[in-house]
Amino acid sequence: MQDISKNRHYCSSCGEKITDGEEYIENLDGEYRHYDCFNGIKDLLEWLGSEIKTMENEGYYKTNI
């Protein structure tokens, strides 16, 4: 785990600095976001790059993004 006290990272959602003791998540693009800045699991999954799909007839799907 990276020591954020020596580095300056900012939340890509609210723009505020991530400070010592705050929980945060880093995605594969190197963006940081406070844990509390997510608006539910769908918001988190989309930010992490997951594709949200809806099952249709016969196994075909449509993308919801």
N, C-alpha and C. Protein backbone atom coordinates (compact mmCIF):
# COMPACT_ATOMS: atom_id res chain seq x y z
N MET A 1 0.84 -1.19 0.00
CA MET A 1 0.00 0.00 0.00
C MET A 1 0.88 1.24 0.00
N GLN A 2 0.52 2.20 -0.80
CA GLN A 2 1.31 3.41 -0.96
C GLN A 2 1.08 4.36 0.20
N ASP A 3 2.14 4.99 0.69
CA ASP A 3 2.05 5.97 1.76
C ASP A 3 1.65 7.30 1.15
N ILE A 4 0.39 7.69 1.33
CA ILE A 4 -0.09 8.92 0.70
C ILE A 4 0.31 10.18 1.46
N SER A 5 0.90 10.03 2.66
CA SER A 5 1.32 11.20 3.41
C SER A 5 2.48 11.91 2.71
N LYS A 6 3.27 11.17 1.92
CA LYS A 6 4.41 11.74 1.23
C LYS A 6 4.07 12.16 -0.19
N ASN A 7 2.91 11.79 -0.67
CA ASN A 7 2.49 12.11 -2.02
C ASN A 7 1.19 12.90 -1.98
N ARG A 8 0.96 13.63 -3.00
CA ARG A 8 -0.27 14.41 -3.07
C ARG A 8 -1.17 13.81 -4.13
N HIS A 9 -2.23 13.21 -3.65
CA HIS A 9 -3.22 12.63 -4.54
C HIS A 9 -4.55 13.31 -4.29
N TYR A 10 -5.27 13.53 -5.37
CA TYR A 10 -6.56 14.20 -5.28
C TYR A 10 -7.65 13.29 -5.80
N CYS A 11 -8.81 13.41 -5.23
CA CYS A 11 -9.97 12.61 -5.60
C CYS A 11 -10.49 13.06 -6.97
N SER A 12 -10.67 12.12 -7.87
CA SER A 12 -11.17 12.45 -9.21
C SER A 12 -12.66 12.78 -9.20
N SER A 13 -13.33 12.56 -8.08
CA SER A 13 -14.76 12.87 -7.98
C SER A 13 -14.99 14.26 -7.37
N CYS A 14 -14.45 14.49 -6.17
CA CYS A 14 -14.71 15.76 -5.47
C CYS A 14 -13.59 16.78 -5.64
N GLY A 15 -12.41 16.32 -6.08
CA GLY A 15 -11.28 17.22 -6.29
C GLY A 15 -10.48 17.54 -5.04
N GLU A 16 -10.90 17.04 -3.89
CA GLU A 16 -10.18 17.32 -2.65
C GLU A 16 -8.99 16.37 -2.47
N LYS A 17 -8.01 16.82 -1.70
CA LYS A 17 -6.82 16.04 -1.41
C LYS A 17 -7.20 14.81 -0.59
N ILE A 18 -6.55 13.70 -0.86
CA ILE A 18 -6.71 12.50 -0.05
C ILE A 18 -5.65 12.58 1.04
N THR A 19 -6.10 12.65 2.29
CA THR A 19 -5.20 12.89 3.41
C THR A 19 -4.99 11.63 4.24
N ASP A 20 -4.03 11.69 5.14
CA ASP A 20 -3.72 10.57 6.03
C ASP A 20 -4.98 10.08 6.72
N GLY A 21 -5.15 8.77 6.74
CA GLY A 21 -6.27 8.15 7.43
C GLY A 21 -7.53 8.00 6.61
N GLU A 22 -7.60 8.64 5.43
CA GLU A 22 -8.80 8.52 4.59
C GLU A 22 -8.72 7.27 3.73
N GLU A 23 -9.85 6.60 3.58
CA GLU A 23 -9.92 5.43 2.70
C GLU A 23 -10.10 5.90 1.26
N TYR A 24 -9.38 5.24 0.34
CA TYR A 24 -9.47 5.61 -1.07
C TYR A 24 -9.29 4.37 -1.92
N ILE A 25 -9.62 4.50 -3.20
CA ILE A 25 -9.46 3.42 -4.18
C ILE A 25 -8.74 4.01 -5.38
N GLU A 26 -7.84 3.21 -5.97
CA GLU A 26 -7.13 3.61 -7.18
C GLU A 26 -7.55 2.67 -8.31
N ASN A 27 -7.90 3.23 -9.47
CA ASN A 27 -8.28 2.38 -10.60
C ASN A 27 -7.07 2.10 -11.49
N LEU A 28 -7.27 1.31 -12.53
CA LEU A 28 -6.16 0.93 -13.41
C LEU A 28 -5.60 2.09 -14.23
N ASP A 29 -6.36 3.19 -14.31
CA ASP A 29 -5.90 4.39 -15.02
C ASP A 29 -5.07 5.30 -14.12
N GLY A 30 -4.88 4.88 -12.84
CA GLY A 30 -4.10 5.69 -11.92
C GLY A 30 -4.87 6.81 -11.27
N GLU A 31 -6.20 6.79 -11.40
CA GLU A 31 -7.03 7.80 -10.75
C GLU A 31 -7.34 7.37 -9.32
N TYR A 32 -7.47 8.33 -8.43
CA TYR A 32 -7.79 8.07 -7.04
C TYR A 32 -9.18 8.63 -6.74
N ARG A 33 -9.85 7.99 -5.79
CA ARG A 33 -11.17 8.46 -5.40
C ARG A 33 -11.43 8.05 -3.95
N HIS A 34 -11.93 9.00 -3.16
CA HIS A 34 -12.31 8.66 -1.78
C HIS A 34 -13.35 7.54 -1.80
N TYR A 35 -13.24 6.64 -0.85
CA TYR A 35 -14.23 5.56 -0.72
C TYR A 35 -15.64 6.14 -0.58
N ASP A 36 -15.77 7.21 0.19
CA ASP A 36 -17.08 7.82 0.44
C ASP A 36 -17.63 8.61 -0.75
N CYS A 37 -16.85 8.80 -1.80
CA CYS A 37 -17.32 9.56 -2.96
C CYS A 37 -18.05 8.70 -3.99
N PHE A 38 -18.19 7.41 -3.72
CA PHE A 38 -18.94 6.55 -4.63
C PHE A 38 -20.41 6.55 -4.27
N ASN A 39 -21.26 6.54 -5.30
CA ASN A 39 -22.71 6.55 -5.12
C ASN A 39 -23.28 5.17 -5.40
N GLY A 40 -22.79 4.17 -4.69
CA GLY A 40 -23.30 2.82 -4.86
C GLY A 40 -22.35 1.94 -5.65
N ILE A 41 -22.70 0.68 -5.69
CA ILE A 41 -21.85 -0.33 -6.32
C ILE A 41 -21.73 -0.15 -7.83
N LYS A 42 -22.81 0.29 -8.49
CA LYS A 42 -22.76 0.50 -9.94
C LYS A 42 -21.77 1.61 -10.29
N ASP A 43 -21.79 2.68 -9.53
CA ASP A 43 -20.85 3.79 -9.73
C ASP A 43 -19.41 3.29 -9.58
N LEU A 44 -19.15 2.49 -8.54
CA LEU A 44 -17.83 1.93 -8.31
C LEU A 44 -17.39 1.03 -9.46
N LEU A 45 -18.27 0.12 -9.87
CA LEU A 45 -17.91 -0.82 -10.94
C LEU A 45 -17.63 -0.10 -12.26
N GLU A 46 -18.43 0.90 -12.60
CA GLU A 46 -18.20 1.64 -13.84
C GLU A 46 -16.89 2.40 -13.77
N TRP A 47 -16.57 2.99 -12.61
CA TRP A 47 -15.32 3.73 -12.45
C TRP A 47 -14.12 2.80 -12.57
N LEU A 48 -14.28 1.57 -12.12
CA LEU A 48 -13.21 0.59 -12.23
C LEU A 48 -13.09 0.01 -13.64
N GLY A 49 -14.03 0.35 -14.52
CA GLY A 49 -13.95 -0.08 -15.91
C GLY A 49 -14.80 -1.28 -16.26
N SER A 50 -15.62 -1.74 -15.33
CA SER A 50 -16.49 -2.88 -15.63
C SER A 50 -17.63 -2.45 -16.55
N GLU A 51 -18.02 -3.34 -17.42
CA GLU A 51 -19.13 -3.07 -18.34
C GLU A 51 -20.40 -3.68 -17.75
N ILE A 52 -21.39 -2.85 -17.51
CA ILE A 52 -22.66 -3.31 -16.96
C ILE A 52 -23.57 -3.69 -18.13
N LYS A 53 -24.09 -4.91 -18.10
CA LYS A 53 -24.90 -5.43 -19.21
C LYS A 53 -26.25 -5.90 -18.70
N THR A 54 -27.21 -6.01 -19.61
CA THR A 54 -28.53 -6.56 -19.31
C THR A 54 -28.75 -7.79 -20.17
N MET A 55 -29.11 -8.91 -19.56
CA MET A 55 -29.33 -10.15 -20.29
C MET A 55 -30.62 -10.01 -21.11
N GLU A 56 -30.53 -10.40 -22.34
CA GLU A 56 -31.67 -10.38 -23.25
C GLU A 56 -32.00 -11.82 -23.65
N ASN A 57 -32.95 -12.00 -24.53
CA ASN A 57 -33.34 -13.33 -25.01
C ASN A 57 -32.17 -14.09 -25.59
N GLU A 58 -32.11 -15.38 -25.30
CA GLU A 58 -31.17 -16.31 -25.91
C GLU A 58 -29.70 -15.96 -25.65
N GLY A 59 -29.41 -15.30 -24.55
CA GLY A 59 -28.03 -15.04 -24.18
C GLY A 59 -27.42 -13.80 -24.81
N TYR A 60 -28.17 -13.07 -25.61
CA TYR A 60 -27.64 -11.81 -26.15
C TYR A 60 -27.79 -10.74 -25.09
N TYR A 61 -26.98 -9.76 -25.15
CA TYR A 61 -27.05 -8.71 -24.14
C TYR A 61 -26.92 -7.35 -24.81
N LYS A 62 -27.35 -6.33 -24.06
CA LYS A 62 -27.14 -4.97 -24.50
C LYS A 62 -26.34 -4.26 -23.42
N THR A 63 -25.51 -3.32 -23.82
CA THR A 63 -24.69 -2.57 -22.89
C THR A 63 -25.51 -1.42 -22.34
N ASN A 64 -25.42 -1.22 -21.02
CA ASN A 64 -26.18 -0.15 -20.37
C ASN A 64 -25.39 1.13 -20.21
N ILE A 65 -24.16 1.14 -20.63
CA ILE A 65 -23.32 2.33 -20.43
C ILE A 65 -23.47 3.26 -21.61
